[in-house]
């Protein structure tokens, strides 16, 4: 009887632990906000390159990504970055300098 009770308690502990981990994963996985996408683009261009701040010209919400158009007047640079809505990374981008 004690062995059966020990097995049941052990299984309950394991199942409870697994359930908590999967719920935490679901909370972390999701879509990022528009503001988070903008911050990702600003961080990429302002901290990586020391040419001053960029200005966000427009943002378009697409199915799986944000299309963010930006410009930097200090060196006549502009571009478009595509930020993945699920993981918040820049999937692709292009830029030009006058």
PDB file of N, CA and C in Angstrom:
ATOM      1  N   UNK A   1       0.811  -1.192   0.000  1.00  0.00           N
ATOM      2  CA  UNK A   1       0.000   0.000   0.000  1.00  0.00           C
ATOM      3  C   UNK A   1       0.862   1.266   0.000  1.00  0.00           C
ATOM      4  N   UNK A   2       1.935   1.254   0.813  1.00  0.00           N
ATOM      5  CA  UNK A   2       2.818   2.412   0.867  1.00  0.00           C
ATOM      6  C   UNK A   2       3.527   2.626  -0.471  1.00  0.00           C
ATOM      7  N   UNK A   3       3.856   1.538  -1.148  1.00  0.00           N
ATOM      8  CA  UNK A   3       4.529   1.643  -2.446  1.00  0.00           C
ATOM      9  C   UNK A   3       3.596   2.280  -3.467  1.00  0.00           C
ATOM     10  N   UNK A   4       2.336   1.876  -3.480  1.00  0.00           N
ATOM     11  CA  UNK A   4       1.356   2.454  -4.403  1.00  0.00           C
ATOM     12  C   UNK A   4       1.166   3.942  -4.139  1.00  0.00           C
ATOM     13  N   UNK A   5       1.078   4.322  -2.881  1.00  0.00           N
ATOM     14  CA  UNK A   5       0.918   5.722  -2.518  1.00  0.00           C
ATOM     15  C   UNK A   5       2.142   6.535  -2.944  1.00  0.00           C
ATOM     16  N   UNK A   6       3.321   5.991  -2.755  1.00  0.00           N
ATOM     17  CA  UNK A   6       4.557   6.660  -3.166  1.00  0.00           C
ATOM     18  C   UNK A   6       4.596   6.847  -4.678  1.00  0.00           C
ATOM     19  N   UNK A   7       4.194   5.849  -5.412  1.00  0.00           N
ATOM     20  CA  UNK A   7       4.175   5.942  -6.880  1.00  0.00           C
ATOM     21  C   UNK A   7       3.182   7.006  -7.333  1.00  0.00           C
ATOM     22  N   UNK A   8       2.006   7.032  -6.750  1.00  0.00           N
ATOM     23  CA  UNK A   8       0.983   8.018  -7.113  1.00  0.00           C
ATOM     24  C   UNK A   8       1.470   9.432  -6.808  1.00  0.00           C
ATOM     25  N   UNK A   9       2.047   9.644  -5.654  1.00  0.00           N
ATOM     26  CA  UNK A   9       2.555  10.973  -5.290  1.00  0.00           C
ATOM     27  C   UNK A   9       3.681  11.395  -6.227  1.00  0.00           C
ATOM     28  N   UNK A  10       4.570  10.490  -6.551  1.00  0.00           N
ATOM     29  CA  UNK A  10       5.666  10.793  -7.475  1.00  0.00           C
ATOM     30  C   UNK A  10       5.129  11.182  -8.848  1.00  0.00           C
ATOM     31  N   UNK A  11       4.156  10.447  -9.336  1.00  0.00           N
ATOM     32  CA  UNK A  11       3.555  10.776 -10.634  1.00  0.00           C
ATOM     33  C   UNK A  11       2.868  12.136 -10.604  1.00  0.00           C
ATOM     34  N   UNK A  12       2.171  12.440  -9.529  1.00  0.00           N
ATOM     35  CA  UNK A  12       1.525  13.749  -9.402  1.00  0.00           C
ATOM     36  C   UNK A  12       2.544  14.883  -9.418  1.00  0.00           C
ATOM     37  N   UNK A  13       3.639  14.703  -8.728  1.00  0.00           N
ATOM     38  CA  UNK A  13       4.690  15.724  -8.706  1.00  0.00           C
ATOM     39  C   UNK A  13       5.262  15.925 -10.103  1.00  0.00           C
ATOM     40  N   UNK A  14       5.550  14.846 -10.797  1.00  0.00           N
ATOM     41  CA  UNK A  14       6.099  14.945 -12.151  1.00  0.00           C
ATOM     42  C   UNK A  14       5.123  15.617 -13.104  1.00  0.00           C
ATOM     43  N   UNK A  15       3.865  15.225 -13.055  1.00  0.00           N
ATOM     44  CA  UNK A  15       2.866  15.816 -13.943  1.00  0.00           C
ATOM     45  C   UNK A  15       2.647  17.290 -13.639  1.00  0.00           C
ATOM     46  N   UNK A  16       2.649  17.661 -12.386  1.00  0.00           N
ATOM     47  CA  UNK A  16       2.490  19.059 -12.007  1.00  0.00           C
ATOM     48  C   UNK A  16       3.669  19.888 -12.502  1.00  0.00           C
ATOM     49  N   UNK A  17       4.864  19.391 -12.364  1.00  0.00           N
ATOM     50  CA  UNK A  17       6.056  20.110 -12.823  1.00  0.00           C
ATOM     51  C   UNK A  17       6.029  20.290 -14.329  1.00  0.00           C
ATOM     52  N   UNK A  18       5.650  19.276 -15.067  1.00  0.00           N
ATOM     53  CA  UNK A  18       5.588  19.367 -16.528  1.00  0.00           C
ATOM     54  C   UNK A  18       4.528  20.358 -16.972  1.00  0.00           C
ATOM     55  N   UNK A  19       3.407  20.399 -16.294  1.00  0.00           N
ATOM     56  CA  UNK A  19       2.330  21.319 -16.634  1.00  0.00           C
ATOM     57  C   UNK A  19       2.769  22.758 -16.427  1.00  0.00           C
ATOM     58  N   UNK A  20       3.452  23.049 -15.341  1.00  0.00           N
ATOM     59  CA  UNK A  20       3.910  24.408 -15.082  1.00  0.00           C
ATOM     60  C   UNK A  20       4.899  24.861 -16.144  1.00  0.00           C
ATOM     61  N   UNK A  21       5.821  24.028 -16.553  1.00  0.00           N
ATOM     62  CA  UNK A  21       6.802  24.396 -17.571  1.00  0.00           C
ATOM     63  C   UNK A  21       6.135  24.693 -18.900  1.00  0.00           C
ATOM     64  N   UNK A  22       5.159  23.911 -19.306  1.00  0.00           N
ATOM     65  CA  UNK A  22       4.521  24.156 -20.596  1.00  0.00           C
ATOM     66  C   UNK A  22       3.711  25.442 -20.557  1.00  0.00           C
ATOM     67  N   UNK A  23       3.093  25.784 -19.437  1.00  0.00           N
ATOM     68  CA  UNK A  23       2.360  27.038 -19.335  1.00  0.00           C
ATOM     69  C   UNK A  23       3.304  28.229 -19.414  1.00  0.00           C
ATOM     70  N   UNK A  24       4.457  28.148 -18.783  1.00  0.00           N
ATOM     71  CA  UNK A  24       5.427  29.233 -18.848  1.00  0.00           C
ATOM     72  C   UNK A  24       5.927  29.416 -20.270  1.00  0.00           C
ATOM     73  N   UNK A  25       6.123  28.341 -21.004  1.00  0.00           N
ATOM     74  CA  UNK A  25       6.573  28.431 -22.389  1.00  0.00           C
ATOM     75  C   UNK A  25       5.532  29.120 -23.247  1.00  0.00           C
ATOM     76  N   UNK A  26       4.267  28.826 -23.015  1.00  0.00           N
ATOM     77  CA  UNK A  26       3.207  29.451 -23.793  1.00  0.00           C
ATOM     78  C   UNK A  26       3.148  30.945 -23.538  1.00  0.00           C
ATOM     79  N   UNK A  27       3.435  31.368 -22.318  1.00  0.00           N
ATOM     80  CA  UNK A  27       3.413  32.787 -22.007  1.00  0.00           C
ATOM     81  C   UNK A  27       4.550  33.501 -22.731  1.00  0.00           C
ATOM     82  N   UNK A  28       5.716  32.893 -22.799  1.00  0.00           N
ATOM     83  CA  UNK A  28       6.861  33.533 -23.430  1.00  0.00           C
ATOM     84  C   UNK A  28       6.731  33.574 -24.947  1.00  0.00           C
ATOM     85  N   UNK A  29       6.085  32.561 -25.518  1.00  0.00           N
ATOM     86  CA  UNK A  29       5.927  32.522 -26.961  1.00  0.00           C
ATOM     87  C   UNK A  29       4.668  33.289 -27.312  1.00  0.00           C
ATOM     88  N   UNK A  30       4.755  34.197 -28.244  1.00  0.00           N
ATOM     89  CA  UNK A  30       3.602  34.984 -28.640  1.00  0.00           C
ATOM     90  C   UNK A  30       4.049  36.045 -29.606  1.00  0.00           C
ATOM     91  N   UNK A  31       3.190  36.967 -29.838  1.00  0.00           N
ATOM     92  CA  UNK A  31       3.552  38.025 -30.763  1.00  0.00           C
ATOM     93  C   UNK A  31       4.085  39.224 -29.990  1.00  0.00           C
ATOM     94  N   UNK A  32       5.031  39.895 -30.598  1.00  0.00           N
ATOM     95  CA  UNK A  32       5.577  41.101 -29.985  1.00  0.00           C
ATOM     96  C   UNK A  32       4.696  42.282 -30.375  1.00  0.00           C
ATOM     97  N   UNK A  33       4.788  43.335 -29.617  1.00  0.00           N
ATOM     98  CA  UNK A  33       3.993  44.522 -29.902  1.00  0.00           C
ATOM     99  C   UNK A  33       4.695  45.392 -30.947  1.00  0.00           C
ATOM    100  N   UNK A  34       3.936  46.333 -31.456  1.00  0.00           N
ATOM    101  CA  UNK A  34       4.484  47.281 -32.428  1.00  0.00           C
ATOM    102  C   UNK A  34       5.633  48.077 -31.805  1.00  0.00           C
ATOM    103  N   UNK A  35       5.463  48.498 -30.565  1.00  0.00           N
ATOM    104  CA  UNK A  35       6.515  49.259 -29.875  1.00  0.00           C
ATOM    105  C   UNK A  35       7.789  48.440 -29.698  1.00  0.00           C
ATOM    106  N   UNK A  36       7.648  47.156 -29.414  1.00  0.00           N
ATOM    107  CA  UNK A  36       8.822  46.287 -29.277  1.00  0.00           C
ATOM    108  C   UNK A  36       9.539  46.134 -30.617  1.00  0.00           C
ATOM    109  N   UNK A  37       8.781  46.045 -31.698  1.00  0.00           N
ATOM    110  CA  UNK A  37       9.385  45.941 -33.030  1.00  0.00           C
ATOM    111  C   UNK A  37      10.159  47.212 -33.367  1.00  0.00           C
ATOM    112  N   UNK A  38       9.580  48.350 -33.048  1.00  0.00           N
ATOM    113  CA  UNK A  38      10.257  49.631 -33.293  1.00  0.00           C
ATOM    114  C   UNK A  38      11.543  49.706 -32.474  1.00  0.00           C
ATOM    115  N   UNK A  39      11.476  49.297 -31.228  1.00  0.00           N
ATOM    116  CA  UNK A  39      12.658  49.321 -30.364  1.00  0.00           C
ATOM    117  C   UNK A  39      13.765  48.413 -30.897  1.00  0.00           C
ATOM    118  N   UNK A  40      13.393  47.277 -31.460  1.00  0.00           N
ATOM    119  CA  UNK A  40      14.370  46.362 -32.054  1.00  0.00           C
ATOM    120  C   UNK A  40      15.106  47.039 -33.203  1.00  0.00           C
ATOM    121  N   UNK A  41      14.357  47.721 -34.066  1.00  0.00           N
ATOM    122  CA  UNK A  41      14.965  48.404 -35.215  1.00  0.00           C
ATOM    123  C   UNK A  41      15.858  49.546 -34.744  1.00  0.00           C
ATOM    124  N   UNK A  42      15.379  50.331 -33.795  1.00  0.00           N
ATOM    125  CA  UNK A  42      16.190  51.445 -33.286  1.00  0.00           C
ATOM    126  C   UNK A  42      17.480  50.938 -32.645  1.00  0.00           C
ATOM    127  N   UNK A  43      17.378  49.882 -31.875  1.00  0.00           N
ATOM    128  CA  UNK A  43      18.566  49.314 -31.240  1.00  0.00           C
ATOM    129  C   UNK A  43      19.563  48.845 -32.287  1.00  0.00           C
ATOM    130  N   UNK A  44      19.076  48.186 -33.306  1.00  0.00           N
ATOM    131  CA  UNK A  44      19.941  47.670 -34.373  1.00  0.00           C
ATOM    132  C   UNK A  44      20.722  48.790 -35.047  1.00  0.00           C
ATOM    133  N   UNK A  45      20.065  49.888 -35.358  1.00  0.00           N
ATOM    134  CA  UNK A  45      20.708  50.930 -36.161  1.00  0.00           C
ATOM    135  C   UNK A  45      21.380  52.023 -35.337  1.00  0.00           C
ATOM    136  N   UNK A  46      20.900  52.275 -34.129  1.00  0.00           N
ATOM    137  CA  UNK A  46      21.489  53.352 -33.340  1.00  0.00           C
ATOM    138  C   UNK A  46      22.667  52.887 -32.490  1.00  0.00           C
ATOM    139  N   UNK A  47      22.619  51.676 -31.995  1.00  0.00           N
ATOM    140  CA  UNK A  47      23.716  51.197 -31.148  1.00  0.00           C
ATOM    141  C   UNK A  47      24.813  50.525 -31.953  1.00  0.00           C
ATOM    142  N   UNK A  48      24.432  49.871 -33.036  1.00  0.00           N
ATOM    143  CA  UNK A  48      25.426  49.168 -33.846  1.00  0.00           C
ATOM    144  C   UNK A  48      26.261  50.151 -34.671  1.00  0.00           C
ATOM    145  N   UNK A  49      25.611  51.192 -35.158  1.00  0.00           N
ATOM    146  CA  UNK A  49      26.294  52.201 -35.970  1.00  0.00           C
ATOM    147  C   UNK A  49      26.170  53.540 -35.262  1.00  0.00           C
ATOM    148  N   UNK A  50      27.242  54.287 -35.198  1.00  0.00           N
ATOM    149  CA  UNK A  50      27.265  55.533 -34.448  1.00  0.00           C
ATOM    150  C   UNK A  50      27.053  56.740 -35.362  1.00  0.00           C
ATOM    151  N   UNK A  51      25.900  56.776 -36.036  1.00  0.00           N
ATOM    152  CA  UNK A  51      25.605  57.889 -36.935  1.00  0.00           C
ATOM    153  C   UNK A  51      24.415  58.711 -36.462  1.00  0.00           C
ATOM    154  N   UNK A  52      23.973  58.510 -35.240  1.00  0.00           N
ATOM    155  CA  UNK A  52      22.848  59.267 -34.700  1.00  0.00           C
ATOM    156  C   UNK A  52      21.554  58.469 -34.694  1.00  0.00           C
ATOM    157  N   UNK A  53      20.505  59.160 -34.283  1.00  0.00           N
ATOM    158  CA  UNK A  53      19.204  58.514 -34.140  1.00  0.00           C
ATOM    159  C   UNK A  53      18.524  58.315 -35.487  1.00  0.00           C
ATOM    160  N   UNK A  54      17.643  57.306 -35.526  1.00  0.00           N
ATOM    161  CA  UNK A  54      16.808  57.110 -36.706  1.00  0.00           C
ATOM    162  C   UNK A  54      15.391  57.559 -36.369  1.00  0.00           C
ATOM    163  N   UNK A  55      14.668  57.944 -37.396  1.00  0.00           N
ATOM    164  CA  UNK A  55      13.271  58.341 -37.247  1.00  0.00           C
ATOM    165  C   UNK A  55      12.405  57.299 -37.944  1.00  0.00           C
ATOM    166  N   UNK A  56      11.386  56.822 -37.266  1.00  0.00           N
ATOM    167  CA  UNK A  56      10.467  55.857 -37.861  1.00  0.00           C
ATOM    168  C   UNK A  56       9.501  56.627 -38.757  1.00  0.00           C
ATOM    169  N   UNK A  57       9.484  56.271 -40.031  1.00  0.00           N
ATOM    170  CA  UNK A  57       8.624  56.939 -41.009  1.00  0.00           C
ATOM    171  C   UNK A  57       7.246  56.289 -41.034  1.00  0.00           C
ATOM    172  N   UNK A  58       7.215  54.962 -41.054  1.00  0.00           N
ATOM    173  CA  UNK A  58       5.932  54.254 -41.060  1.00  0.00           C
ATOM    174  C   UNK A  58       6.124  52.829 -40.568  1.00  0.00           C
ATOM    175  N   UNK A  59       5.016  52.236 -40.147  1.00  0.00           N
ATOM    176  CA  UNK A  59       5.031  50.832 -39.742  1.00  0.00           C
ATOM    177  C   UNK A  59       3.771  50.172 -40.285  1.00  0.00           C
ATOM    178  N   UNK A  60       3.972  49.047 -40.927  1.00  0.00           N
ATOM    179  CA  UNK A  60       2.880  48.287 -41.526  1.00  0.00           C
ATOM    180  C   UNK A  60       2.801  46.933 -40.843  1.00  0.00           C
ATOM    181  N   UNK A  61       1.614  46.559 -40.419  1.00  0.00           N
ATOM    182  CA  UNK A  61       1.429  45.238 -39.816  1.00  0.00           C
ATOM    183  C   UNK A  61       1.076  44.266 -40.925  1.00  0.00           C
ATOM    184  N   UNK A  62       1.907  43.268 -41.090  1.00  0.00           N
ATOM    185  CA  UNK A  62       1.628  42.210 -42.054  1.00  0.00           C
ATOM    186  C   UNK A  62       1.306  40.942 -41.280  1.00  0.00           C
ATOM    187  N   UNK A  63       1.055  39.858 -41.992  1.00  0.00           N
ATOM    188  CA  UNK A  63       0.614  38.628 -41.338  1.00  0.00           C
ATOM    189  C   UNK A  63       1.587  38.137 -40.270  1.00  0.00           C
ATOM    190  N   UNK A  64       2.852  37.960 -40.619  1.00  0.00           N
ATOM    191  CA  UNK A  64       3.826  37.402 -39.679  1.00  0.00           C
ATOM    192  C   UNK A  64       4.925  38.378 -39.296  1.00  0.00           C
ATOM    193  N   UNK A  65       4.822  39.633 -39.747  1.00  0.00           N
ATOM    194  CA  UNK A  65       5.914  40.561 -39.500  1.00  0.00           C
ATOM    195  C   UNK A  65       5.431  42.001 -39.516  1.00  0.00           C
ATOM    196  N   UNK A  66       6.286  42.869 -38.999  1.00  0.00           N
ATOM    197  CA  UNK A  66       6.089  44.311 -39.091  1.00  0.00           C
ATOM    198  C   UNK A  66       7.061  44.840 -40.138  1.00  0.00           C
ATOM    199  N   UNK A  67       6.575  45.686 -41.032  1.00  0.00           N
ATOM    200  CA  UNK A  67       7.438  46.362 -42.002  1.00  0.00           C
ATOM    201  C   UNK A  67       7.662  47.774 -41.472  1.00  0.00           C
ATOM    202  N   UNK A  68       8.899  48.069 -41.117  1.00  0.00           N
ATOM    203  CA  UNK A  68       9.213  49.354 -40.497  1.00  0.00           C
ATOM    204  C   UNK A  68      10.129  50.152 -41.415  1.00  0.00           C
ATOM    205  N   UNK A  69       9.619  51.298 -41.884  1.00  0.00           N
ATOM    206  CA  UNK A  69      10.420  52.210 -42.709  1.00  0.00           C
ATOM    207  C   UNK A  69      11.022  53.256 -41.783  1.00  0.00           C
ATOM    208  N   UNK A  70      12.296  53.546 -42.007  1.00  0.00           N
ATOM    209  CA  UNK A  70      12.999  54.484 -41.156  1.00  0.00           C
ATOM    210  C   UNK A  70      13.943  55.340 -41.984  1.00  0.00           C
ATOM    211  N   UNK A  71      14.389  56.448 -41.384  1.00  0.00           N
ATOM    212  CA  UNK A  71      15.404  57.292 -42.034  1.00  0.00           C
ATOM    213  C   UNK A  71      16.284  57.940 -40.978  1.00  0.00           C
ATOM    214  N   UNK A  72      17.498  58.264 -41.414  1.00  0.00           N
ATOM    215  CA  UNK A  72      18.457  58.961 -40.558  1.00  0.00           C
ATOM    216  C   UNK A  72      18.989  60.122 -41.382  1.00  0.00           C
ATOM    217  N   UNK A  73      18.654  61.325 -40.975  1.00  0.00           N
ATOM    218  CA  UNK A  73      19.012  62.510 -41.749  1.00  0.00           C
ATOM    219  C   UNK A  73      20.486  62.879 -41.619  1.00  0.00           C
ATOM    220  N   UNK A  74      21.130  62.463 -40.535  1.00  0.00           N
ATOM    221  CA  UNK A  74      22.522  62.861 -40.307  1.00  0.00           C
ATOM    222  C   UNK A  74      23.471  62.349 -41.386  1.00  0.00           C
ATOM    223  N   UNK A  75      23.163  61.206 -41.989  1.00  0.00           N
ATOM    224  CA  UNK A  75      24.012  60.698 -43.072  1.00  0.00           C
ATOM    225  C   UNK A  75      23.190  60.314 -44.305  1.00  0.00           C
ATOM    226  N   UNK A  76      21.985  60.868 -44.403  1.00  0.00           N
ATOM    227  CA  UNK A  76      21.111  60.669 -45.564  1.00  0.00           C
ATOM    228  C   UNK A  76      20.850  59.177 -45.822  1.00  0.00           C
ATOM    229  N   UNK A  77      20.538  58.454 -44.760  1.00  0.00           N
ATOM    230  CA  UNK A  77      20.324  57.014 -44.851  1.00  0.00           C
ATOM    231  C   UNK A  77      18.853  56.699 -44.592  1.00  0.00           C
ATOM    232  N   UNK A  78      18.342  55.690 -45.267  1.00  0.00           N
ATOM    233  CA  UNK A  78      16.971  55.233 -45.026  1.00  0.00           C
ATOM    234  C   UNK A  78      16.898  53.742 -45.302  1.00  0.00           C
ATOM    235  N   UNK A  79      15.811  53.135 -44.842  1.00  0.00           N
ATOM    236  CA  UNK A  79      15.680  51.709 -45.082  1.00  0.00           C
ATOM    237  C   UNK A  79      14.355  51.148 -44.617  1.00  0.00           C
ATOM    238  N   UNK A  80      14.215  49.867 -44.851  1.00  0.00           N
ATOM    239  CA  UNK A  80      13.040  49.111 -44.419  1.00  0.00           C
ATOM    240  C   UNK A  80      13.545  47.850 -43.728  1.00  0.00           C
ATOM    241  N   UNK A  81      13.023  47.593 -42.541  1.00  0.00           N
ATOM    242  CA  UNK A  81      13.333  46.357 -41.825  1.00  0.00           C
ATOM    243  C   UNK A  81      12.043  45.584 -41.607  1.00  0.00           C
ATOM    244  N   UNK A  82      12.161  44.272 -41.664  1.00  0.00           N
ATOM    245  CA  UNK A  82      11.021  43.385 -41.446  1.00  0.00           C
ATOM    246  C   UNK A  82      11.269  42.617 -40.154  1.00  0.00           C
ATOM    247  N   UNK A  83      10.452  42.890 -39.140  1.00  0.00           N
ATOM    248  CA  UNK A  83      10.620  42.283 -37.822  1.00  0.00           C
ATOM    249  C   UNK A  83       9.604  41.155 -37.660  1.00  0.00           C
ATOM    250  N   UNK A  84      10.108  39.982 -37.341  1.00  0.00           N
ATOM    251  CA  UNK A  84       9.265  38.803 -37.132  1.00  0.00           C
ATOM    252  C   UNK A  84       8.389  39.012 -35.896  1.00  0.00           C
ATOM    253  N   UNK A  85       7.082  38.834 -36.049  1.00  0.00           N
ATOM    254  CA  UNK A  85       6.158  39.061 -34.935  1.00  0.00           C
ATOM    255  C   UNK A  85       6.303  38.031 -33.820  1.00  0.00           C
ATOM    256  N   UNK A  86       6.768  36.845 -34.143  1.00  0.00           N
ATOM    257  CA  UNK A  86       6.828  35.786 -33.136  1.00  0.00           C
ATOM    258  C   UNK A  86       8.060  35.880 -32.252  1.00  0.00           C
ATOM    259  N   UNK A  87       9.222  36.145 -32.852  1.00  0.00           N
ATOM    260  CA  UNK A  87      10.439  36.134 -32.031  1.00  0.00           C
ATOM    261  C   UNK A  87      11.112  37.498 -31.899  1.00  0.00           C
ATOM    262  N   UNK A  88      10.618  38.509 -32.600  1.00  0.00           N
ATOM    263  CA  UNK A  88      11.136  39.858 -32.429  1.00  0.00           C
ATOM    264  C   UNK A  88      12.462  40.146 -33.094  1.00  0.00           C
ATOM    265  N   UNK A  89      12.917  39.264 -33.972  1.00  0.00           N
ATOM    266  CA  UNK A  89      14.185  39.503 -34.663  1.00  0.00           C
ATOM    267  C   UNK A  89      13.935  40.148 -36.020  1.00  0.00           C
ATOM    268  N   UNK A  90      14.954  40.813 -36.522  1.00  0.00           N
ATOM    269  CA  UNK A  90      14.860  41.388 -37.861  1.00  0.00           C
ATOM    270  C   UNK A  90      15.116  40.261 -38.850  1.00  0.00           C
ATOM    271  N   UNK A  91      14.076  39.905 -39.590  1.00  0.00           N
ATOM    272  CA  UNK A  91      14.162  38.785 -40.528  1.00  0.00           C
ATOM    273  C   UNK A  91      14.967  39.176 -41.760  1.00  0.00           C
ATOM    274  N   UNK A  92      14.737  40.377 -42.230  1.00  0.00           N
ATOM    275  CA  UNK A  92      15.473  40.882 -43.389  1.00  0.00           C
ATOM    276  C   UNK A  92      15.315  42.394 -43.411  1.00  0.00           C
ATOM    277  N   UNK A  93      16.113  43.028 -44.232  1.00  0.00           N
ATOM    278  CA  UNK A  93      16.036  44.477 -44.327  1.00  0.00           C
ATOM    279  C   UNK A  93      16.857  44.983 -45.490  1.00  0.00           C
ATOM    280  N   UNK A  94      16.643  46.239 -45.801  1.00  0.00           N
ATOM    281  CA  UNK A  94      17.447  46.882 -46.841  1.00  0.00           C
ATOM    282  C   UNK A  94      17.586  48.348 -46.465  1.00  0.00           C
ATOM    283  N   UNK A  95      18.689  48.934 -46.891  1.00  0.00           N
ATOM    284  CA  UNK A  95      18.872  50.357 -46.637  1.00  0.00           C
ATOM    285  C   UNK A  95      19.688  50.977 -47.756  1.00  0.00           C
ATOM    286  N   UNK A  96      19.612  52.300 -47.809  1.00  0.00           N
ATOM    287  CA  UNK A  96      20.370  53.033 -48.826  1.00  0.00           C
ATOM    288  C   UNK A  96      20.888  54.334 -48.223  1.00  0.00           C
ATOM    289  N   UNK A  97      21.983  54.785 -48.784  1.00  0.00           N
ATOM    290  CA  UNK A  97      22.557  56.063 -48.394  1.00  0.00           C
ATOM    291  C   UNK A  97      22.616  56.922 -49.643  1.00  0.00           C
ATOM    292  N   UNK A  98      22.117  58.159 -49.525  1.00  0.00           N
ATOM    293  CA  UNK A  98      22.052  59.065 -50.685  1.00  0.00           C
ATOM    294  C   UNK A  98      23.384  59.202 -51.399  1.00  0.00           C
TER     295      UNK A  98
END
